[in-house]
Amino acid sequence: MSSAGSNRHRKPTPPTDPHRNGKASSSKRKAAPGHLSFIIDSDLEQGRDVQKQILQTVADNGFEGQSYFAITLALEEALTNAIKHGNRLDKSKKVRVDATVTPKQLEIEIEDEGPGFDRSSVPDPTTAENIEKCSGRGILLIEAYMNRVTWDRGGRRVRMLKLNEPE
């Protein structure tokens, strides 16, 4: 699979030789303004790079305060879940990210190649038996901070919408 994406503020980054230091980075292609598309390896560093590029576009479109914070948190959780839990850090598996940003809203899809999951079977982190656990809150945070969240393709894809709500 090729890697793809765009960002009006950064030069396209050519893929690195996968045999050099074991690292490969996403390459990007031109897309409509405000649309970013990436295919990355299941690598947390690559996920952080994608997050930085999306957040820059979000800021450039006037998101700030609580809306910007909500996107930052939900995006980090969703990318980490796809890389770590979906693809289990298997760098041969890819994560696809598509984001469309306008001054009014952010729409984002993140899809992994893992086995998926049943959203209704995920334990509630607010119950007594889970409240002191150090993990398991990502989905709760995503759903709390975004305006709309849907899980499909057997739990392998999350779609999120955040409106730019002035404070």
N, C-alpha and C. Protein backbone atom coordinates (compact mmCIF):
# COMPACT_ATOMS: atom_id res chain seq x y z
N MET A 1 0.83 -1.18 0.00
CA MET A 1 0.00 0.00 0.00
C MET A 1 0.87 1.23 0.00
N SER A 2 0.44 2.24 -0.70
CA SER A 2 1.17 3.50 -0.65
C SER A 2 0.62 4.35 0.46
N SER A 3 1.42 5.30 0.89
CA SER A 3 1.00 6.22 1.92
C SER A 3 0.54 7.49 1.25
N ALA A 4 -0.49 8.15 1.79
CA ALA A 4 -1.01 9.33 1.13
C ALA A 4 -1.45 10.35 2.15
N GLY A 5 -1.51 11.62 1.73
CA GLY A 5 -2.01 12.69 2.58
C GLY A 5 -1.65 14.02 2.00
N SER A 6 -2.13 15.10 2.59
CA SER A 6 -1.75 16.42 2.12
C SER A 6 -1.75 17.37 3.28
N ASN A 7 -0.99 18.41 3.12
CA ASN A 7 -0.98 19.48 4.09
C ASN A 7 -0.42 20.69 3.39
N ARG A 8 -1.13 21.78 3.44
CA ARG A 8 -0.69 22.95 2.70
C ARG A 8 0.50 23.63 3.34
N HIS A 9 0.88 23.23 4.54
CA HIS A 9 1.97 23.89 5.23
C HIS A 9 3.28 23.12 5.19
N ARG A 10 3.27 21.91 4.77
CA ARG A 10 4.48 21.12 4.80
C ARG A 10 4.75 20.52 3.44
N LYS A 11 6.04 20.43 3.11
CA LYS A 11 6.42 19.77 1.87
C LYS A 11 6.14 18.28 2.00
N PRO A 12 5.77 17.63 0.89
CA PRO A 12 5.59 16.18 0.96
C PRO A 12 6.87 15.51 1.44
N THR A 13 6.70 14.52 2.29
CA THR A 13 7.82 13.77 2.83
C THR A 13 7.90 12.46 2.06
N PRO A 14 9.01 12.23 1.34
CA PRO A 14 9.10 10.97 0.61
C PRO A 14 9.24 9.81 1.58
N PRO A 15 8.74 8.65 1.21
CA PRO A 15 8.91 7.49 2.09
C PRO A 15 10.39 7.21 2.29
N THR A 16 10.77 6.79 3.48
CA THR A 16 12.15 6.40 3.71
C THR A 16 12.31 4.95 3.32
N ASP A 17 13.53 4.57 3.13
CA ASP A 17 13.82 3.18 2.81
C ASP A 17 13.44 2.33 4.00
N PRO A 18 12.49 1.38 3.84
CA PRO A 18 12.05 0.59 4.97
C PRO A 18 13.16 -0.27 5.58
N HIS A 19 14.27 -0.44 4.86
CA HIS A 19 15.37 -1.25 5.38
C HIS A 19 16.34 -0.40 6.20
N ARG A 20 16.20 0.94 6.14
CA ARG A 20 17.07 1.84 6.88
C ARG A 20 16.46 2.13 8.24
N ASN A 21 17.06 1.68 9.28
CA ASN A 21 16.59 1.89 10.65
C ASN A 21 15.20 1.31 10.90
N GLY A 22 14.69 0.51 10.00
CA GLY A 22 13.38 -0.10 10.19
C GLY A 22 12.24 0.89 10.18
N LYS A 23 12.47 2.13 9.70
CA LYS A 23 11.42 3.13 9.73
C LYS A 23 10.92 3.42 8.34
N ALA A 24 9.63 3.64 8.24
CA ALA A 24 9.02 4.10 7.01
C ALA A 24 8.11 5.24 7.40
N SER A 25 8.02 6.26 6.58
CA SER A 25 7.14 7.37 6.93
C SER A 25 6.09 7.53 5.85
N SER A 26 5.03 8.24 6.20
CA SER A 26 3.95 8.41 5.25
C SER A 26 4.36 9.39 4.17
N SER A 27 3.94 9.14 2.96
CA SER A 27 4.08 10.14 1.91
C SER A 27 2.71 10.75 1.70
N LYS A 28 2.69 11.89 1.07
CA LYS A 28 1.44 12.61 0.95
C LYS A 28 1.18 12.97 -0.50
N ARG A 29 -0.07 13.09 -0.87
CA ARG A 29 -0.42 13.52 -2.21
C ARG A 29 -1.33 14.74 -2.10
N LYS A 30 -1.36 15.52 -3.17
CA LYS A 30 -2.20 16.71 -3.16
C LYS A 30 -3.66 16.31 -3.10
N ALA A 31 -4.42 17.04 -2.33
CA ALA A 31 -5.87 16.81 -2.21
C ALA A 31 -6.53 18.17 -2.10
N ALA A 32 -7.83 18.17 -2.02
CA ALA A 32 -8.59 19.41 -1.88
C ALA A 32 -8.16 20.13 -0.61
N PRO A 33 -8.14 21.46 -0.63
CA PRO A 33 -7.80 22.19 0.59
C PRO A 33 -8.70 21.75 1.75
N GLY A 34 -8.10 21.56 2.90
CA GLY A 34 -8.87 21.13 4.06
C GLY A 34 -9.09 19.63 4.12
N HIS A 35 -8.63 18.89 3.11
CA HIS A 35 -8.75 17.43 3.15
C HIS A 35 -7.35 16.84 3.28
N LEU A 36 -7.20 15.98 4.27
CA LEU A 36 -5.93 15.30 4.49
C LEU A 36 -6.19 13.81 4.46
N SER A 37 -5.28 13.09 3.84
CA SER A 37 -5.43 11.65 3.72
C SER A 37 -4.07 10.99 3.91
N PHE A 38 -4.03 9.99 4.76
CA PHE A 38 -2.78 9.31 5.09
C PHE A 38 -3.01 7.80 5.14
N ILE A 39 -2.00 7.07 4.78
CA ILE A 39 -1.93 5.64 5.08
C ILE A 39 -0.56 5.44 5.71
N ILE A 40 -0.56 4.99 6.96
CA ILE A 40 0.69 4.86 7.71
C ILE A 40 0.85 3.44 8.23
N ASP A 41 2.10 3.11 8.56
CA ASP A 41 2.36 1.85 9.25
C ASP A 41 1.80 1.95 10.66
N SER A 42 1.66 0.85 11.32
CA SER A 42 1.20 0.83 12.71
C SER A 42 2.36 1.21 13.61
N ASP A 43 2.64 2.50 13.62
CA ASP A 43 3.79 3.05 14.31
C ASP A 43 3.33 4.32 15.03
N LEU A 44 3.52 4.36 16.35
CA LEU A 44 3.03 5.50 17.14
C LEU A 44 3.68 6.82 16.72
N GLU A 45 4.94 6.79 16.31
CA GLU A 45 5.61 8.01 15.85
C GLU A 45 4.95 8.55 14.59
N GLN A 46 4.63 7.67 13.65
CA GLN A 46 3.93 8.10 12.45
C GLN A 46 2.53 8.64 12.80
N GLY A 47 1.90 8.01 13.78
CA GLY A 47 0.60 8.50 14.24
C GLY A 47 0.69 9.91 14.80
N ARG A 48 1.76 10.18 15.56
CA ARG A 48 1.94 11.53 16.11
C ARG A 48 2.16 12.56 15.00
N ASP A 49 2.88 12.17 13.95
CA ASP A 49 3.10 13.08 12.82
C ASP A 49 1.77 13.42 12.13
N VAL A 50 0.94 12.40 11.93
CA VAL A 50 -0.38 12.62 11.33
C VAL A 50 -1.20 13.54 12.24
N GLN A 51 -1.16 13.29 13.53
CA GLN A 51 -1.91 14.12 14.48
C GLN A 51 -1.45 15.58 14.39
N LYS A 52 -0.16 15.83 14.34
CA LYS A 52 0.35 17.20 14.25
C LYS A 52 -0.15 17.90 12.99
N GLN A 53 -0.14 17.19 11.87
CA GLN A 53 -0.58 17.80 10.62
C GLN A 53 -2.07 18.12 10.63
N ILE A 54 -2.87 17.21 11.17
CA ILE A 54 -4.31 17.46 11.26
C ILE A 54 -4.58 18.61 12.22
N LEU A 55 -3.92 18.63 13.35
CA LEU A 55 -4.14 19.70 14.33
C LEU A 55 -3.72 21.07 13.79
N GLN A 56 -2.67 21.11 12.96
CA GLN A 56 -2.29 22.38 12.35
C GLN A 56 -3.40 22.88 11.43
N THR A 57 -3.97 21.98 10.65
CA THR A 57 -5.06 22.36 9.75
C THR A 57 -6.29 22.78 10.55
N VAL A 58 -6.56 22.09 11.64
CA VAL A 58 -7.67 22.44 12.53
C VAL A 58 -7.48 23.86 13.07
N ALA A 59 -6.28 24.16 13.55
CA ALA A 59 -5.99 25.51 14.07
C ALA A 59 -6.11 26.56 12.96
N ASP A 60 -5.61 26.23 11.77
CA ASP A 60 -5.68 27.16 10.64
C ASP A 60 -7.13 27.47 10.25
N ASN A 61 -8.03 26.57 10.60
CA ASN A 61 -9.45 26.77 10.28
C ASN A 61 -10.23 27.38 11.44
N GLY A 62 -9.53 27.87 12.44
CA GLY A 62 -10.17 28.64 13.49
C GLY A 62 -10.67 27.88 14.70
N PHE A 63 -10.33 26.60 14.81
CA PHE A 63 -10.71 25.86 16.02
C PHE A 63 -9.78 26.29 17.14
N GLU A 64 -10.35 26.52 18.31
CA GLU A 64 -9.54 26.89 19.47
C GLU A 64 -10.27 26.48 20.74
N GLY A 65 -9.63 26.70 21.85
CA GLY A 65 -10.25 26.42 23.15
C GLY A 65 -10.73 24.99 23.29
N GLN A 66 -11.97 24.84 23.78
CA GLN A 66 -12.54 23.52 24.05
C GLN A 66 -12.65 22.65 22.80
N SER A 67 -13.00 23.27 21.66
CA SER A 67 -13.13 22.48 20.42
C SER A 67 -11.78 21.90 20.01
N TYR A 68 -10.74 22.72 20.09
CA TYR A 68 -9.39 22.25 19.74
C TYR A 68 -8.94 21.16 20.71
N PHE A 69 -9.17 21.37 22.00
CA PHE A 69 -8.81 20.38 23.01
C PHE A 69 -9.53 19.06 22.75
N ALA A 70 -10.83 19.12 22.45
CA ALA A 70 -11.62 17.91 22.20
C ALA A 70 -11.05 17.12 21.02
N ILE A 71 -10.70 17.83 19.96
CA ILE A 71 -10.14 17.16 18.78
C ILE A 71 -8.79 16.54 19.12
N THR A 72 -7.95 17.28 19.83
CA THR A 72 -6.63 16.77 20.21
C THR A 72 -6.76 15.45 20.97
N LEU A 73 -7.63 15.45 21.97
CA LEU A 73 -7.80 14.26 22.80
C LEU A 73 -8.39 13.09 22.01
N ALA A 74 -9.47 13.32 21.29
CA ALA A 74 -10.14 12.25 20.54
C ALA A 74 -9.24 11.70 19.44
N LEU A 75 -8.53 12.57 18.74
CA LEU A 75 -7.64 12.13 17.66
C LEU A 75 -6.51 11.26 18.21
N GLU A 76 -5.90 11.70 19.30
CA GLU A 76 -4.82 10.90 19.90
C GLU A 76 -5.33 9.54 20.35
N GLU A 77 -6.47 9.51 21.01
CA GLU A 77 -7.04 8.23 21.47
C GLU A 77 -7.37 7.31 20.30
N ALA A 78 -8.00 7.85 19.26
CA ALA A 78 -8.41 7.02 18.12
C ALA A 78 -7.20 6.48 17.36
N LEU A 79 -6.20 7.32 17.14
CA LEU A 79 -5.00 6.84 16.46
C LEU A 79 -4.27 5.79 17.28
N THR A 80 -4.13 6.04 18.57
CA THR A 80 -3.47 5.07 19.45
C THR A 80 -4.24 3.76 19.47
N ASN A 81 -5.56 3.82 19.56
CA ASN A 81 -6.37 2.59 19.55
C ASN A 81 -6.16 1.81 18.25
N ALA A 82 -6.16 2.49 17.11
CA ALA A 82 -5.99 1.80 15.82
C ALA A 82 -4.63 1.13 15.73
N ILE A 83 -3.59 1.85 16.14
CA ILE A 83 -2.22 1.33 16.03
C ILE A 83 -1.95 0.24 17.07
N LYS A 84 -2.29 0.54 18.31
CA LYS A 84 -1.92 -0.35 19.42
C LYS A 84 -2.89 -1.50 19.62
N HIS A 85 -4.18 -1.22 19.64
CA HIS A 85 -5.17 -2.26 19.92
C HIS A 85 -5.69 -2.92 18.64
N GLY A 86 -5.97 -2.12 17.61
CA GLY A 86 -6.47 -2.68 16.36
C GLY A 86 -5.41 -3.51 15.66
N ASN A 87 -4.31 -2.88 15.29
CA ASN A 87 -3.25 -3.56 14.54
C ASN A 87 -2.17 -4.17 15.43
N ARG A 88 -2.29 -4.01 16.72
CA ARG A 88 -1.37 -4.59 17.70
C ARG A 88 0.10 -4.29 17.40
N LEU A 89 0.35 -3.03 16.99
CA LEU A 89 1.70 -2.54 16.68
C LEU A 89 2.40 -3.34 15.59
N ASP A 90 1.64 -4.06 14.77
CA ASP A 90 2.19 -4.83 13.66
C ASP A 90 2.44 -3.86 12.50
N LYS A 91 3.72 -3.54 12.27
CA LYS A 91 4.07 -2.53 11.26
C LYS A 91 3.77 -2.97 9.83
N SER A 92 3.43 -4.24 9.64
CA SER A 92 3.03 -4.66 8.30
C SER A 92 1.57 -4.31 8.03
N LYS A 93 0.84 -3.93 9.09
CA LYS A 93 -0.56 -3.51 8.94
C LYS A 93 -0.63 -2.00 8.90
N LYS A 94 -1.56 -1.49 8.12
CA LYS A 94 -1.68 -0.05 7.89
C LYS A 94 -2.85 0.54 8.66
N VAL A 95 -2.76 1.86 8.87
CA VAL A 95 -3.85 2.65 9.42
C VAL A 95 -4.15 3.73 8.39
N ARG A 96 -5.42 3.83 8.01
CA ARG A 96 -5.86 4.85 7.05
C ARG A 96 -6.55 5.96 7.82
N VAL A 97 -6.18 7.19 7.50
CA VAL A 97 -6.77 8.36 8.15
C VAL A 97 -7.21 9.34 7.07
N ASP A 98 -8.46 9.74 7.12
CA ASP A 98 -9.00 10.76 6.23
C ASP A 98 -9.66 11.82 7.08
N ALA A 99 -9.29 13.08 6.84
CA ALA A 99 -9.87 14.19 7.60
C ALA A 99 -10.29 15.29 6.63
N THR A 100 -11.44 15.87 6.89
CA THR A 100 -11.90 17.04 6.16
C THR A 100 -12.18 18.12 7.18
N VAL A 101 -11.47 19.24 7.01
CA VAL A 101 -11.57 20.34 7.97
C VAL A 101 -12.07 21.59 7.25
N THR A 102 -13.10 22.19 7.82
CA THR A 102 -13.60 23.49 7.37
C THR A 102 -13.67 24.38 8.60
N PRO A 103 -13.90 25.67 8.44
CA PRO A 103 -14.06 26.52 9.62
C PRO A 103 -15.24 26.12 10.50
N LYS A 104 -16.18 25.34 9.97
CA LYS A 104 -17.36 24.95 10.74
C LYS A 104 -17.23 23.60 11.44
N GLN A 105 -16.45 22.67 10.85
CA GLN A 105 -16.40 21.32 11.43
C GLN A 105 -15.20 20.52 10.96
N LEU A 106 -14.92 19.48 11.73
CA LEU A 106 -13.92 18.47 11.38
C LEU A 106 -14.65 17.15 11.24
N GLU A 107 -14.40 16.46 10.14
CA GLU A 107 -14.87 15.09 9.97
C GLU A 107 -13.61 14.25 9.79
N ILE A 108 -13.54 13.15 10.53
CA ILE A 108 -12.36 12.31 10.44
C ILE A 108 -12.73 10.84 10.51
N GLU A 109 -12.05 10.03 9.70
CA GLU A 109 -12.19 8.57 9.72
C GLU A 109 -10.82 7.97 9.98
N ILE A 110 -10.79 6.99 10.86
CA ILE A 110 -9.56 6.26 11.14
C ILE A 110 -9.91 4.77 11.05
N GLU A 111 -9.17 4.06 10.22
CA GLU A 111 -9.46 2.64 10.01
C GLU A 111 -8.18 1.83 10.11
N ASP A 112 -8.27 0.72 10.86
CA ASP A 112 -7.12 -0.18 11.00
C ASP A 112 -7.40 -1.49 10.26
N GLU A 113 -6.42 -2.39 10.26
CA GLU A 113 -6.55 -3.69 9.60
C GLU A 113 -6.63 -4.82 10.61
N GLY A 114 -6.97 -4.48 11.84
CA GLY A 114 -7.06 -5.49 12.89
C GLY A 114 -8.34 -6.30 12.82
N PRO A 115 -8.59 -7.13 13.84
CA PRO A 115 -9.75 -8.01 13.86
C PRO A 115 -11.06 -7.28 14.17
N GLY A 116 -10.98 -6.03 14.63
CA GLY A 116 -12.18 -5.29 14.99
C GLY A 116 -12.64 -5.63 16.40
N PHE A 117 -13.75 -5.03 16.80
CA PHE A 117 -14.29 -5.28 18.13
C PHE A 117 -15.77 -4.91 18.13
N ASP A 118 -16.47 -5.40 19.12
CA ASP A 118 -17.88 -5.10 19.31
C ASP A 118 -17.98 -3.99 20.35
N ARG A 119 -18.40 -2.81 19.92
CA ARG A 119 -18.46 -1.66 20.83
C ARG A 119 -19.28 -1.96 22.08
N SER A 120 -20.36 -2.70 21.92
CA SER A 120 -21.24 -2.96 23.07
C SER A 120 -20.59 -3.89 24.10
N SER A 121 -19.50 -4.58 23.73
CA SER A 121 -18.86 -5.49 24.68
C SER A 121 -17.67 -4.85 25.40
N VAL A 122 -17.38 -3.59 25.12
CA VAL A 122 -16.27 -2.90 25.78
C VAL A 122 -16.71 -2.54 27.20
N PRO A 123 -15.93 -2.92 28.20
CA PRO A 123 -16.31 -2.64 29.59
C PRO A 123 -16.45 -1.13 29.86
N ASP A 124 -17.42 -0.78 30.67
CA ASP A 124 -17.64 0.61 31.07
C ASP A 124 -16.58 1.00 32.09
N PRO A 125 -15.71 1.99 31.76
CA PRO A 125 -14.64 2.34 32.69
C PRO A 125 -15.12 3.10 33.93
N THR A 126 -16.40 3.44 33.98
CA THR A 126 -16.90 4.18 35.15
C THR A 126 -17.54 3.27 36.20
N THR A 127 -17.60 1.97 35.93
CA THR A 127 -18.17 1.06 36.93
C THR A 127 -17.16 0.81 38.05
N ALA A 128 -17.66 0.37 39.19
CA ALA A 128 -16.82 0.18 40.38
C ALA A 128 -15.61 -0.72 40.11
N GLU A 129 -15.80 -1.80 39.35
CA GLU A 129 -14.69 -2.74 39.12
C GLU A 129 -13.65 -2.19 38.14
N ASN A 130 -13.98 -1.12 37.40
CA ASN A 130 -13.04 -0.57 36.41
C ASN A 130 -12.52 0.82 36.74
N ILE A 131 -13.11 1.47 37.72
CA ILE A 131 -12.82 2.88 37.98
C ILE A 131 -11.35 3.16 38.31
N GLU A 132 -10.65 2.24 38.92
CA GLU A 132 -9.26 2.47 39.29
C GLU A 132 -8.26 1.91 38.29
N LYS A 133 -8.74 1.33 37.20
CA LYS A 133 -7.82 0.82 36.17
C LYS A 133 -7.15 1.99 35.45
N CYS A 134 -5.92 1.78 35.04
CA CYS A 134 -5.14 2.84 34.40
C CYS A 134 -5.41 2.97 32.90
N SER A 135 -6.20 2.08 32.35
CA SER A 135 -6.48 2.14 30.91
C SER A 135 -7.96 1.85 30.68
N GLY A 136 -8.36 1.93 29.42
CA GLY A 136 -9.74 1.58 29.08
C GLY A 136 -10.70 2.74 28.99
N ARG A 137 -10.17 3.97 28.91
CA ARG A 137 -11.05 5.13 28.86
C ARG A 137 -11.09 5.82 27.50
N GLY A 138 -10.30 5.36 26.55
CA GLY A 138 -10.19 6.02 25.25
C GLY A 138 -11.51 6.18 24.52
N ILE A 139 -12.27 5.11 24.42
CA ILE A 139 -13.54 5.16 23.70
C ILE A 139 -14.51 6.11 24.41
N LEU A 140 -14.55 6.03 25.74
CA LEU A 140 -15.40 6.93 26.51
C LEU A 140 -15.04 8.39 26.24
N LEU A 141 -13.76 8.71 26.22
CA LEU A 141 -13.32 10.08 25.96
C LEU A 141 -13.67 10.53 24.54
N ILE A 142 -13.44 9.66 23.57
CA ILE A 142 -13.77 9.99 22.18
C ILE A 142 -15.26 10.33 22.08
N GLU A 143 -16.08 9.47 22.63
CA GLU A 143 -17.54 9.68 22.52
C GLU A 143 -18.01 10.88 23.34
N ALA A 144 -17.31 11.21 24.41
CA ALA A 144 -17.70 12.35 25.24
C ALA A 144 -17.33 13.68 24.58
N TYR A 145 -16.21 13.73 23.90
CA TYR A 145 -15.70 14.99 23.38
C TYR A 145 -16.10 15.32 21.94
N MET A 146 -16.49 14.33 21.18
CA MET A 146 -16.89 14.60 19.79
C MET A 146 -18.41 14.76 19.72
N ASN A 147 -18.89 15.48 18.70
CA ASN A 147 -20.33 15.67 18.54
C ASN A 147 -21.03 14.41 18.03
N ARG A 148 -20.33 13.66 17.19
CA ARG A 148 -20.91 12.41 16.68
C ARG A 148 -19.77 11.41 16.47
N VAL A 149 -20.02 10.17 16.88
CA VAL A 149 -19.04 9.09 16.70
C VAL A 149 -19.78 7.85 16.24
N THR A 150 -19.28 7.22 15.19
CA THR A 150 -19.85 5.94 14.76
C THR A 150 -18.70 4.95 14.57
N TRP A 151 -19.01 3.71 14.89
CA TRP A 151 -18.06 2.60 14.72
C TRP A 151 -18.65 1.69 13.67
N ASP A 152 -17.86 1.32 12.67
CA ASP A 152 -18.36 0.39 11.66
C ASP A 152 -17.23 -0.49 11.15
N ARG A 153 -17.54 -1.26 10.11
CA ARG A 153 -16.60 -2.26 9.57
C ARG A 153 -16.09 -3.18 10.67
N GLY A 154 -17.04 -3.62 11.49
CA GLY A 154 -16.71 -4.56 12.56
C GLY A 154 -15.85 -3.96 13.65
N GLY A 155 -15.93 -2.63 13.82
CA GLY A 155 -15.14 -1.96 14.83
C GLY A 155 -13.75 -1.55 14.35
N ARG A 156 -13.46 -1.78 13.08
CA ARG A 156 -12.16 -1.41 12.54
C ARG A 156 -12.10 0.06 12.11
N ARG A 157 -13.25 0.70 11.97
CA ARG A 157 -13.26 2.10 11.55
C ARG A 157 -14.10 2.94 12.50
N VAL A 158 -13.56 4.11 12.86
CA VAL A 158 -14.30 5.08 13.64
C VAL A 158 -14.45 6.33 12.78
N ARG A 159 -15.64 6.89 12.82
CA ARG A 159 -15.93 8.16 12.15
C ARG A 159 -16.31 9.15 13.24
N MET A 160 -15.66 10.32 13.20
CA MET A 160 -15.90 11.32 14.23
C MET A 160 -16.22 12.67 13.58
N LEU A 161 -17.10 13.40 14.23
CA LEU A 161 -17.45 14.74 13.79
C LEU A 161 -17.33 15.68 14.98
N LYS A 162 -16.67 16.81 14.77
CA LYS A 162 -16.59 17.85 15.81
C LYS A 162 -16.94 19.18 15.16
N LEU A 163 -17.95 19.83 15.73
CA LEU A 163 -18.35 21.15 15.26
C LEU A 163 -17.44 22.19 15.91
N ASN A 164 -17.16 23.26 15.18
CA ASN A 164 -16.38 24.35 15.74
C ASN A 164 -17.33 25.25 16.50
N GLU A 165 -17.40 25.02 17.79
CA GLU A 165 -18.37 25.71 18.65
C GLU A 165 -17.65 26.83 19.39
N PRO A 166 -18.04 28.10 19.09
CA PRO A 166 -17.40 29.21 19.80
C PRO A 166 -17.71 29.16 21.27
N GLU A 167 -16.77 29.66 22.06
CA GLU A 167 -16.94 29.61 23.52
C GLU A 167 -17.66 30.83 24.03
